[in-house]
Amino acid sequence: MGQKQQHNTDPNIEPKKRRRVGFSTEDDGVEAKHCIRIFLVSKKEEFLAPESSAIEPVDLNAFFGDDGKIYGYEGLKINIWVSSISFRAYADITFQSSSDRGKGITDLKVALQNIFAETLVESKDEFIQTFITDKDFIRTTISSGEVLQQKVFNGQISDSNTDADSATSKVEVVRMVVGSMATGHLYSRLIPLVLLLVDGSSPIDVADPHWELYLVTRNETDQQGEIQCRLIGFAAIYRFYHYPGGTRLRLSQILVLPHYQHKGYGRYILEVLNDVAVSENVFDITIEEPLDNLQHIRTCLDIPRLLCCEPIQQSVKAAVSLLKQGRLSKKTNRPRLMPPPSAIEYARKTLKINRKQFLQCWEVLLYLGLNPVEKHMDNFLSVICNRVKYDILGKDSGTSGKQLIDVPTEFSEEMSFVMFKSGVNEDNAVQVDDSQPNQEEQLQKLVQERGKEIQSIAEKVSLHRKSADVAVN
C-alpha cells in the first residue's frame, strides 16, 4: 500500500502558493447606436467643431448582426463625418483595448464599408481635401439633367417655421434618368445617407433606366465668396408601364438632408412630382409604403387641389347633406358615405390622385364641408367609426360578408371548406367575435386618432388657404 503523504510542519518553510484560475466576464457587447456618432458637414470648420452638425440615423443597430451589437472592444467610440459637398465619408475609430471574450471581435472596417462602400476615405487629411477637390461635384453632375422647375424660397414657406432660413434663395428641381454614368455615380454616393436616414430603404438599381432621380438644389455663397451648388434633397421615382400605352409613377424614396428639413422642401418635391404627373398625363402617382409624416404632408397638399374641382365639391356637398340629417349613431344601418366612383375617377384623371389616396382625402373634405363642424361631430365620428370597423373587421351593416361552407372530402373532413362573399343582407355571414372586452375600446381609440389627424390636416389646409388669399390680395 502506498503511504499517506505527511504534511510539512516546519514553521520556517513557506507553504507553496495555490494557483488561481481566472474566468473572463462574458462579452455583452455594445449597441452600435451607443458608440457611433455621425455628422453631416459642409466645410472644414464644421469638421473641426462637429457638435452642431450631428444627425440621427434611423437605426444603426441594423448594420451590426442580428442583435445590433459590436463585440470585442472596451471604450469604443466611432465618429463618422459625411461631406454634404462630395458625399464622401471618414471614420475615426478609438478604443481602450480589444480582445475575444467568447463572441469574437467585430471587424469594424468591413461593417462600415457595408454602409459607406467606396465613399469611405482612409485619412482625415484626404477627407478635408475633398471640400476643395470636389466642391463642384453637384454642379458638374447635374449639368446633363433636365431643369423642371425653379422656385424662390424666402425661408417662410415651411411646414414648421422654427428652423426656417432667413435668406432668400432660388431652388431648382433637376430630373436625371438613372442608367447614365453621371446619375449612377451620384446615387452611389447618396446610398449611405439613404440607408441611414430613409426607414426600411434599399438601394435602387442604377442600371435600370425606368428609375428617375428628382434632385432639389440651390446655390449658396461660401466664405470665400464663391457660389456653390448644394444638394438639398432628392426623390427616386420608378416609371411603370400601364396598358395600353401609358405609364404610372411610384415614389420609392424621398430624402431631404437633415439641415434643410422642416423648411418646405419636402412639400416642394411632392408639388413638382404632381405637376409632372399631370403635364405628362400618366395614369396616376403612388407612394411606396409612406410613413405617417409623409402621408400627412401629401394629404395637406392634395386637399387644396381637390377643393378646386367642382365635380368633387358636388359629391362632397351631397355627402355632407346626409351627415346633417339626424343622428347616424342611432340608426341600424349607418352609412359609410363613400365617394361615388365618378368622383374617384375624376380625381385620378385630372389630378392623378390614386383611389387609395383619394379615400384618405375624402374624410378631410367631409370635415371641411361641415360648417359648423361641432354641431355635426357625432355624425362625422360615427361615419369614421363605421369605416374603420369595416377596414379592420371587413364588415358593417348593409354590406356583404363572408360565408364558410363545409365541403365533403376524402382527405380530411375537419380541414375542408370553401369561403366566398355573400350578397347584401344574405344570411349565414360569419360574425366577428364581439365578446373581447377591449375590442370596442381599441376601435374608439383608432377613431379618435383618425379624428385628430383629420382635424390637424383641415386646420393646416385652412391656414394655408388664408395665407394664399392674403398674398393674392
Protein backbone atom coordinates (compact mmCIF):
# COMPACT_ATOMS: atom_id res chain seq x y z
CA MET A 1 0.00 0.00 0.00
CA GLY A 2 1.11 3.44 -0.62
CA GLN A 3 1.94 5.61 2.31
CA LYS A 4 -0.13 8.64 3.15
CA GLN A 5 1.74 11.85 2.41
CA GLN A 6 2.75 13.72 5.52
CA HIS A 7 2.23 17.48 5.74
CA ASN A 8 5.31 19.54 6.49
CA THR A 9 5.00 21.05 9.96
CA ASP A 10 8.23 23.06 9.92
CA PRO A 11 7.22 26.70 10.58
CA ASN A 12 10.36 28.01 8.86
CA ILE A 13 9.36 26.61 5.46
CA GLU A 14 6.94 28.77 3.42
CA PRO A 15 3.93 26.90 2.01
CA LYS A 16 3.52 26.73 -1.75
CA LYS A 17 1.08 29.28 -3.21
CA ARG A 18 -2.00 27.90 -4.85
CA ARG A 19 -2.70 28.81 -8.46
CA ARG A 20 -5.94 30.72 -9.08
CA VAL A 21 -7.96 30.13 -12.21
CA GLY A 22 -9.48 33.32 -13.65
CA PHE A 23 -12.58 33.47 -15.82
CA SER A 24 -13.12 36.49 -18.10
CA THR A 25 -16.55 38.06 -17.94
CA GLU A 26 -18.90 37.31 -20.81
CA ASP A 27 -18.85 39.91 -23.58
CA ASP A 28 -22.21 41.66 -23.52
CA GLY A 29 -21.21 43.82 -26.48
CA VAL A 30 -22.25 47.41 -27.08
CA GLU A 31 -25.12 48.54 -29.25
CA ALA A 32 -23.97 50.36 -32.37
CA LYS A 33 -26.21 53.36 -31.65
CA HIS A 34 -24.47 53.86 -28.30
CA CYS A 35 -20.92 54.13 -29.63
CA ILE A 36 -21.34 55.62 -33.13
CA ARG A 37 -22.00 59.27 -33.92
CA ILE A 38 -22.49 60.63 -37.43
CA PHE A 39 -22.00 64.22 -38.56
CA LEU A 40 -23.04 65.84 -41.84
CA VAL A 41 -20.59 68.65 -42.57
CA SER A 42 -20.21 71.13 -45.41
CA LYS A 43 -16.84 72.71 -44.61
CA LYS A 44 -13.60 72.19 -42.72
CA GLU A 45 -14.71 74.33 -39.77
CA GLU A 46 -17.72 72.07 -39.16
CA PHE A 47 -15.44 69.05 -39.27
CA LEU A 48 -13.23 70.53 -36.53
CA ALA A 49 -16.26 71.51 -34.39
CA PRO A 50 -18.85 68.89 -35.32
CA GLU A 51 -21.36 69.02 -32.46
CA SER A 52 -23.78 71.31 -34.30
CA SER A 53 -23.80 69.04 -37.35
CA ALA A 54 -24.73 65.73 -35.69
CA ILE A 55 -27.51 63.73 -37.36
CA GLU A 56 -29.74 60.97 -36.03
CA PRO A 57 -29.78 57.84 -38.20
CA VAL A 58 -32.92 55.71 -38.39
CA ASP A 59 -31.31 52.55 -36.96
CA LEU A 60 -27.58 51.95 -36.73
CA ASN A 61 -28.04 48.59 -34.98
CA ALA A 62 -29.47 47.07 -38.16
CA PHE A 63 -25.99 47.07 -39.73
CA PHE A 64 -24.31 45.03 -36.99
CA GLY A 65 -25.52 41.45 -36.81
CA ASP A 66 -28.85 40.12 -35.64
CA ASP A 67 -28.64 41.79 -32.24
CA GLY A 68 -27.16 45.09 -33.44
CA LYS A 69 -24.14 44.82 -31.15
CA ILE A 70 -20.39 45.28 -31.56
CA TYR A 71 -18.18 42.78 -29.69
CA GLY A 72 -14.58 42.62 -28.52
CA TYR A 73 -13.89 46.26 -27.57
CA GLU A 74 -13.54 48.31 -24.39
CA GLY A 75 -14.22 52.05 -24.51
CA LEU A 76 -15.18 52.01 -28.20
CA LYS A 77 -16.03 55.33 -29.87
CA ILE A 78 -16.66 55.80 -33.59
CA ASN A 79 -17.12 59.26 -35.10
CA ILE A 80 -18.12 59.40 -38.76
CA TRP A 81 -18.19 62.53 -40.89
CA VAL A 82 -20.10 62.74 -44.16
CA SER A 83 -19.49 65.66 -46.52
CA SER A 84 -22.60 67.33 -47.94
CA ILE A 85 -20.35 68.68 -50.72
CA SER A 86 -18.79 65.47 -52.05
CA PHE A 87 -20.81 62.88 -50.04
CA ARG A 88 -17.58 61.14 -49.10
CA ALA A 89 -17.11 59.87 -45.54
CA TYR A 90 -14.35 59.48 -42.96
CA ALA A 91 -14.47 57.34 -39.80
CA ASP A 92 -12.37 57.87 -36.67
CA ILE A 93 -12.28 54.71 -34.51
CA THR A 94 -10.84 54.75 -30.97
CA PHE A 95 -10.94 52.17 -28.16
CA GLN A 96 -9.05 51.31 -24.98
CA SER A 97 -8.47 47.64 -25.76
CA SER A 98 -9.77 44.73 -27.81
CA SER A 99 -9.98 41.01 -27.04
CA ASP A 100 -12.08 37.99 -27.89
CA ARG A 101 -14.24 37.25 -24.86
CA GLY A 102 -16.26 34.47 -26.41
CA LYS A 103 -18.11 36.24 -29.20
CA GLY A 104 -15.24 37.28 -31.43
CA ILE A 105 -14.06 40.74 -32.40
CA THR A 106 -16.32 42.67 -34.76
CA ASP A 107 -14.50 43.70 -37.93
CA LEU A 108 -15.36 47.40 -37.86
CA LYS A 109 -13.76 48.18 -41.20
CA VAL A 110 -15.89 45.61 -43.02
CA ALA A 111 -19.03 46.71 -41.17
CA LEU A 112 -18.54 50.38 -42.07
CA GLN A 113 -17.70 49.54 -45.68
CA ASN A 114 -21.03 47.70 -45.91
CA ILE A 115 -22.66 51.08 -45.27
CA PHE A 116 -20.32 53.59 -46.90
CA ALA A 117 -18.63 51.43 -49.57
CA GLU A 118 -16.27 53.41 -51.81
CA THR A 119 -17.31 56.76 -50.27
CA LEU A 120 -15.18 55.95 -47.18
CA VAL A 121 -11.74 57.62 -47.38
CA GLU A 122 -8.70 56.43 -45.44
CA SER A 123 -7.41 59.57 -43.72
CA LYS A 124 -8.61 62.79 -42.15
CA ASP A 125 -6.44 64.90 -44.45
CA GLU A 126 -7.88 63.21 -47.53
CA PHE A 127 -11.41 63.89 -46.28
CA ILE A 128 -10.69 67.57 -45.61
CA GLN A 129 -9.14 67.90 -49.07
CA THR A 130 -12.44 66.82 -50.69
CA PHE A 131 -14.02 70.14 -49.67
CA ILE A 132 -11.71 71.70 -52.27
CA THR A 133 -11.27 68.97 -54.88
CA ASP A 134 -14.99 68.06 -55.05
CA LYS A 135 -16.55 71.48 -54.49
CA ASP A 136 -18.17 71.42 -57.95
CA PHE A 137 -19.27 67.78 -57.76
CA ILE A 138 -23.02 68.51 -57.68
CA ARG A 139 -22.92 71.27 -60.28
CA THR A 140 -20.94 69.14 -62.71
CA THR A 141 -23.06 66.04 -62.17
CA ILE A 142 -26.46 67.67 -62.71
CA SER A 143 -25.35 69.66 -65.75
CA SER A 144 -26.67 66.89 -68.01
CA GLY A 145 -30.06 66.81 -66.25
CA GLU A 146 -33.36 68.47 -67.15
CA VAL A 147 -34.38 71.52 -65.10
CA LEU A 148 -38.08 71.05 -64.38
CA GLN A 149 -38.93 73.93 -62.12
CA GLN A 150 -37.48 76.86 -60.22
CA LYS A 151 -38.87 78.48 -57.10
CA VAL A 152 -37.77 81.25 -54.78
CA PHE A 153 -37.75 80.32 -51.10
CA ASN A 154 -37.72 83.16 -48.60
CA GLY A 155 -37.49 80.98 -45.51
CA GLN A 156 -41.15 81.43 -44.62
CA ILE A 157 -42.54 78.60 -46.75
CA SER A 158 -42.35 75.67 -44.40
CA ASP A 159 -44.26 73.00 -42.54
CA SER A 160 -42.56 74.20 -39.36
CA ASN A 161 -41.11 77.72 -39.28
CA THR A 162 -38.90 77.16 -36.27
CA ASP A 163 -35.84 76.34 -38.37
CA ALA A 164 -36.65 78.48 -41.40
CA ASP A 165 -33.89 80.14 -43.39
CA SER A 166 -33.71 83.91 -43.27
CA ALA A 167 -32.06 84.32 -46.65
CA THR A 168 -33.92 84.22 -49.95
CA SER A 169 -32.68 81.58 -52.36
CA LYS A 170 -33.63 80.14 -55.73
CA VAL A 171 -34.27 76.42 -55.70
CA GLU A 172 -34.23 74.16 -58.76
CA VAL A 173 -35.56 70.68 -59.37
CA VAL A 174 -33.50 68.70 -61.87
CA ARG A 175 -34.59 65.36 -63.33
CA MET A 176 -31.97 62.77 -64.22
CA VAL A 177 -32.64 59.35 -65.72
CA VAL A 178 -30.94 56.51 -63.89
CA GLY A 179 -28.82 54.34 -66.14
CA SER A 180 -26.48 57.10 -67.25
CA MET A 181 -22.97 57.14 -65.82
CA ALA A 182 -23.38 60.56 -64.14
CA THR A 183 -26.64 59.63 -62.40
CA GLY A 184 -25.31 56.27 -61.24
CA HIS A 185 -22.16 57.88 -59.87
CA LEU A 186 -24.17 60.47 -57.93
CA TYR A 187 -26.62 57.96 -56.50
CA SER A 188 -23.80 55.62 -55.43
CA ARG A 189 -22.51 58.41 -53.19
CA LEU A 190 -26.01 59.03 -51.80
CA ILE A 191 -26.62 55.38 -50.88
CA PRO A 192 -25.09 55.65 -47.36
CA LEU A 193 -27.47 58.50 -46.46
CA VAL A 194 -30.37 56.56 -47.96
CA LEU A 195 -29.53 53.55 -45.78
CA LEU A 196 -29.02 55.68 -42.67
CA LEU A 197 -31.87 58.17 -42.99
CA VAL A 198 -34.67 56.50 -45.00
CA ASP A 199 -36.54 53.94 -42.95
CA GLY A 200 -36.57 50.44 -44.45
CA SER A 201 -34.77 51.51 -47.61
CA SER A 202 -32.59 49.58 -50.01
CA PRO A 203 -30.58 50.94 -52.96
CA ILE A 204 -32.29 51.24 -56.33
CA ASP A 205 -30.90 49.52 -59.41
CA VAL A 206 -28.68 52.15 -61.04
CA ALA A 207 -28.67 50.15 -64.28
CA ASP A 208 -32.47 50.30 -64.71
CA PRO A 209 -33.49 53.28 -66.91
CA HIS A 210 -37.05 53.15 -65.54
CA TRP A 211 -35.73 54.87 -62.42
CA GLU A 212 -35.60 58.68 -62.31
CA LEU A 213 -33.94 60.99 -59.77
CA TYR A 214 -35.54 64.35 -58.96
CA LEU A 215 -32.81 66.45 -57.36
CA VAL A 216 -33.51 69.63 -55.39
CA THR A 217 -30.56 72.02 -55.46
CA ARG A 218 -29.80 75.62 -54.65
CA ASN A 219 -26.81 77.93 -54.99
CA GLU A 220 -25.11 79.13 -51.81
CA THR A 221 -22.18 81.51 -51.30
CA ASP A 222 -19.26 80.14 -49.30
CA GLN A 223 -16.85 82.05 -47.04
CA GLN A 224 -14.60 82.87 -49.99
CA GLY A 225 -17.48 84.47 -51.84
CA GLU A 226 -17.73 81.62 -54.36
CA ILE A 227 -21.10 80.22 -55.36
CA GLN A 228 -21.56 76.51 -54.70
CA CYS A 229 -24.37 74.28 -55.87
CA ARG A 230 -25.76 72.40 -52.87
CA LEU A 231 -27.97 69.32 -52.90
CA ILE A 232 -30.96 69.81 -50.61
CA GLY A 233 -32.75 66.53 -51.20
CA PHE A 234 -33.98 64.12 -53.82
CA ALA A 235 -36.73 61.67 -54.76
CA ALA A 236 -36.39 58.35 -56.59
CA ILE A 237 -39.30 57.58 -58.94
CA TYR A 238 -39.99 54.37 -60.82
CA ARG A 239 -41.91 54.67 -64.10
CA PHE A 240 -44.13 51.62 -64.65
CA TYR A 241 -45.78 50.66 -67.90
CA HIS A 242 -49.58 50.92 -67.86
CA TYR A 243 -51.64 49.22 -70.53
CA PRO A 244 -52.26 50.08 -73.29
CA GLY A 245 -49.72 52.85 -73.81
CA GLY A 246 -49.33 54.85 -70.60
CA THR A 247 -47.17 54.95 -67.50
CA ARG A 248 -47.61 55.10 -63.74
CA LEU A 249 -45.24 56.84 -61.33
CA ARG A 250 -44.29 55.37 -57.97
CA LEU A 251 -42.35 57.35 -55.40
CA SER A 252 -39.94 54.89 -53.79
CA GLN A 253 -37.52 57.12 -51.85
CA ILE A 254 -37.61 60.73 -50.76
CA LEU A 255 -34.98 62.41 -48.61
CA VAL A 256 -34.37 65.99 -47.55
CA LEU A 257 -30.95 66.37 -45.93
CA PRO A 258 -31.27 66.91 -42.15
CA HIS A 259 -30.15 70.54 -42.08
CA TYR A 260 -32.78 71.50 -44.68
CA GLN A 261 -35.73 69.69 -43.15
CA HIS A 262 -38.90 71.43 -41.87
CA LYS A 263 -38.47 74.26 -44.37
CA GLY A 264 -40.93 73.25 -47.08
CA TYR A 265 -38.56 71.42 -49.42
CA GLY A 266 -40.23 68.04 -48.99
CA ARG A 267 -43.58 69.59 -49.84
CA TYR A 268 -41.97 71.24 -52.85
CA ILE A 269 -40.70 67.90 -54.17
CA LEU A 270 -44.23 66.47 -53.96
CA GLU A 271 -45.61 69.54 -55.76
CA VAL A 272 -43.18 69.05 -58.62
CA LEU A 273 -43.99 65.34 -58.87
CA ASN A 274 -47.70 66.15 -59.05
CA ASP A 275 -47.04 68.68 -61.81
CA VAL A 276 -45.01 66.09 -63.74
CA ALA A 277 -47.78 63.51 -63.39
CA VAL A 278 -50.41 65.94 -64.74
CA SER A 279 -48.30 67.50 -67.50
CA GLU A 280 -47.13 64.12 -68.80
CA ASN A 281 -50.61 62.61 -68.41
CA VAL A 282 -49.52 59.49 -66.53
CA PHE A 283 -52.20 57.15 -65.20
CA ASP A 284 -51.58 58.05 -61.53
CA ILE A 285 -48.86 58.53 -58.93
CA THR A 286 -48.44 56.36 -55.85
CA ILE A 287 -46.09 56.25 -52.85
CA GLU A 288 -44.44 53.04 -51.72
CA GLU A 289 -45.28 52.49 -48.04
CA PRO A 290 -45.36 56.16 -46.94
CA LEU A 291 -44.53 56.98 -43.34
CA ASP A 292 -47.13 58.90 -41.34
CA ASN A 293 -45.32 62.23 -41.67
CA LEU A 294 -45.00 61.93 -45.44
CA GLN A 295 -48.63 60.84 -45.76
CA HIS A 296 -49.67 63.86 -43.68
CA ILE A 297 -47.80 66.29 -45.95
CA ARG A 298 -49.13 64.58 -49.05
CA THR A 299 -52.73 64.88 -47.90
CA CYS A 300 -52.24 68.53 -46.90
CA LEU A 301 -51.02 69.11 -50.45
CA ASP A 302 -53.82 67.20 -52.21
CA ILE A 303 -56.78 68.70 -50.31
CA PRO A 304 -56.46 72.23 -51.84
CA ARG A 305 -56.17 70.65 -55.29
CA LEU A 306 -59.40 68.72 -54.75
CA LEU A 307 -61.18 71.77 -53.34
CA CYS A 308 -60.68 73.49 -56.70
CA CYS A 309 -62.54 70.73 -58.59
CA GLU A 310 -66.24 71.46 -58.99
CA PRO A 311 -67.31 67.82 -59.60
CA ILE A 312 -65.52 66.78 -56.39
CA GLN A 313 -67.23 69.56 -54.44
CA GLN A 314 -70.64 68.49 -55.70
CA SER A 315 -70.00 64.97 -54.39
CA VAL A 316 -68.83 66.37 -51.06
CA LYS A 317 -71.95 68.54 -50.72
CA ALA A 318 -74.21 65.56 -51.34
CA ALA A 319 -72.46 63.51 -48.64
CA VAL A 320 -72.40 66.42 -46.18
CA SER A 321 -76.16 66.90 -46.56
CA LEU A 322 -76.63 63.30 -45.36
CA LEU A 323 -74.33 63.92 -42.43
CA LYS A 324 -76.56 66.74 -41.27
CA GLN A 325 -79.70 64.59 -41.16
CA GLY A 326 -80.48 63.23 -37.68
CA ARG A 327 -78.14 61.18 -35.50
CA LEU A 328 -76.48 58.44 -37.52
CA SER A 329 -75.21 56.64 -34.44
CA LYS A 330 -78.80 55.68 -33.54
CA LYS A 331 -79.54 54.20 -36.95
CA THR A 332 -79.29 50.46 -37.51
CA ASN A 333 -77.65 50.79 -40.91
CA ARG A 334 -75.09 53.55 -40.60
CA PRO A 335 -73.75 54.72 -43.98
CA ARG A 336 -70.04 54.85 -44.74
CA LEU A 337 -70.67 57.76 -47.11
CA MET A 338 -68.12 56.58 -49.64
CA PRO A 339 -67.45 58.89 -52.59
CA PRO A 340 -69.14 57.95 -55.88
CA PRO A 341 -66.97 56.10 -58.43
CA SER A 342 -67.29 59.08 -60.78
CA ALA A 343 -65.54 61.34 -58.22
CA ILE A 344 -62.76 58.81 -57.68
CA GLU A 345 -62.18 58.50 -61.41
CA TYR A 346 -62.29 62.28 -61.92
CA ALA A 347 -59.58 62.78 -59.26
CA ARG A 348 -57.42 60.17 -60.93
CA LYS A 349 -57.85 61.55 -64.44
CA THR A 350 -57.44 65.24 -63.67
CA LEU A 351 -55.10 65.29 -60.64
CA LYS A 352 -53.52 61.80 -60.95
CA ILE A 353 -54.54 61.04 -57.37
CA ASN A 354 -54.96 57.29 -56.99
CA ARG A 355 -58.02 55.75 -55.35
CA LYS A 356 -56.36 54.92 -52.02
CA GLN A 357 -55.09 58.46 -51.58
CA PHE A 358 -58.40 59.98 -52.63
CA LEU A 359 -60.19 58.00 -49.91
CA GLN A 360 -57.70 59.42 -47.38
CA CYS A 361 -58.59 62.91 -48.57
CA TRP A 362 -62.34 62.24 -48.74
CA GLU A 363 -62.86 62.27 -44.97
CA VAL A 364 -60.97 65.55 -44.66
CA LEU A 365 -63.17 67.05 -47.40
CA LEU A 366 -66.27 65.98 -45.47
CA TYR A 367 -64.88 67.55 -42.30
CA LEU A 368 -64.21 70.84 -44.11
CA GLY A 369 -67.71 70.74 -45.59
CA LEU A 370 -69.39 70.56 -42.17
CA ASN A 371 -69.93 74.12 -41.03
CA PRO A 372 -70.16 74.44 -38.09
CA VAL A 373 -68.35 71.16 -37.62
CA GLU A 374 -69.01 70.98 -33.86
CA LYS A 375 -72.75 70.66 -34.42
CA HIS A 376 -72.37 67.53 -36.55
CA MET A 377 -69.26 65.99 -34.98
CA ASP A 378 -71.12 62.97 -33.59
CA ASN A 379 -72.37 62.04 -37.06
CA PHE A 380 -68.94 62.59 -38.56
CA LEU A 381 -67.22 60.37 -35.99
CA SER A 382 -69.93 57.76 -36.49
CA VAL A 383 -69.03 57.58 -40.19
CA ILE A 384 -65.32 57.37 -39.34
CA CYS A 385 -66.05 54.59 -36.84
CA ASN A 386 -68.04 52.63 -39.40
CA ARG A 387 -65.30 52.97 -42.00
CA VAL A 388 -62.53 51.95 -39.56
CA LYS A 389 -64.59 49.00 -38.41
CA TYR A 390 -65.13 47.94 -42.00
CA ASP A 391 -61.43 48.24 -42.83
CA ILE A 392 -60.35 46.20 -39.82
CA LEU A 393 -63.14 43.67 -39.44
CA GLY A 394 -64.25 43.51 -43.07
CA LYS A 395 -67.89 44.01 -42.25
CA ASP A 396 -70.55 46.52 -41.31
CA SER A 397 -74.29 46.70 -41.53
CA GLY A 398 -75.68 46.65 -45.03
CA THR A 399 -72.53 45.29 -46.66
CA SER A 400 -71.56 41.91 -47.95
CA GLY A 401 -69.99 39.44 -45.53
CA LYS A 402 -68.15 36.12 -45.81
CA GLN A 403 -69.57 32.65 -45.50
CA LEU A 404 -67.98 29.29 -44.73
CA ILE A 405 -69.46 26.19 -46.34
CA ASP A 406 -68.35 22.66 -45.36
CA VAL A 407 -67.23 20.57 -48.32
CA PRO A 408 -67.06 16.74 -48.07
CA THR A 409 -63.64 15.31 -48.88
CA GLU A 410 -61.80 12.04 -48.60
CA PHE A 411 -58.67 13.80 -47.29
CA SER A 412 -59.78 15.49 -44.08
CA GLU A 413 -63.27 16.49 -43.10
CA GLU A 414 -62.02 18.93 -40.47
CA MET A 415 -59.81 20.90 -42.88
CA SER A 416 -62.20 21.24 -45.82
CA PHE A 417 -64.21 24.37 -46.52
CA VAL A 418 -64.93 26.99 -49.16
CA MET A 419 -65.09 30.71 -48.38
CA PHE A 420 -66.99 33.18 -50.54
CA LYS A 421 -68.54 36.60 -50.25
CA SER A 422 -72.24 36.75 -49.64
CA GLY A 423 -74.55 39.29 -51.15
CA VAL A 424 -76.07 42.23 -49.33
CA ASN A 425 -78.42 41.21 -46.50
CA GLU A 426 -77.77 37.49 -47.07
CA ASP A 427 -77.90 35.22 -44.02
CA ASN A 428 -75.17 33.00 -42.59
CA ALA A 429 -72.49 35.71 -42.70
CA VAL A 430 -69.58 34.99 -40.39
CA GLN A 431 -69.79 37.20 -37.31
CA VAL A 432 -66.67 38.57 -35.68
CA ASP A 433 -66.38 37.76 -32.00
CA ASP A 434 -67.58 40.88 -30.23
CA SER A 435 -67.05 39.44 -26.78
CA GLN A 436 -63.49 40.70 -26.43
CA PRO A 437 -63.59 43.29 -23.64
CA ASN A 438 -61.12 45.68 -25.19
CA GLN A 439 -62.28 45.49 -28.83
CA GLU A 440 -64.63 48.45 -28.60
CA GLU A 441 -62.05 50.41 -26.64
CA GLN A 442 -59.40 49.82 -29.32
CA LEU A 443 -61.85 50.78 -32.04
CA GLN A 444 -62.70 54.04 -30.32
CA LYS A 445 -59.02 54.80 -29.86
CA LEU A 446 -58.41 54.38 -33.61
CA VAL A 447 -61.40 56.61 -34.36
CA GLN A 448 -60.13 59.32 -32.02
CA GLU A 449 -56.65 59.20 -33.53
CA ARG A 450 -58.07 59.44 -37.04
CA GLY A 451 -60.33 62.30 -35.93
CA LYS A 452 -57.35 64.25 -34.54
CA GLU A 453 -55.38 63.62 -37.72
CA ILE A 454 -58.25 64.89 -39.89
CA GLN A 455 -58.65 67.97 -37.71
CA SER A 456 -54.91 68.72 -37.91
CA ILE A 457 -54.89 68.46 -41.70
CA ALA A 458 -58.02 70.58 -42.01
CA GLU A 459 -56.55 73.33 -39.82
CA LYS A 460 -53.32 73.42 -41.85
CA VAL A 461 -55.21 73.49 -45.14
CA SER A 462 -57.44 76.33 -43.92
CA LEU A 463 -54.43 78.30 -42.69
CA HIS A 464 -52.61 77.74 -45.98
CA ARG A 465 -55.64 78.92 -48.00
CA LYS A 466 -55.99 82.05 -45.88
CA SER A 467 -52.29 82.83 -46.35
CA ALA A 468 -52.65 82.36 -50.10
CA ASP A 469 -55.67 84.68 -50.21
CA VAL A 470 -53.77 87.37 -48.28
CA ALA A 471 -50.79 87.04 -50.64
CA VAL A 472 -53.06 87.41 -53.71
CA ASN A 473 -54.95 90.38 -52.29
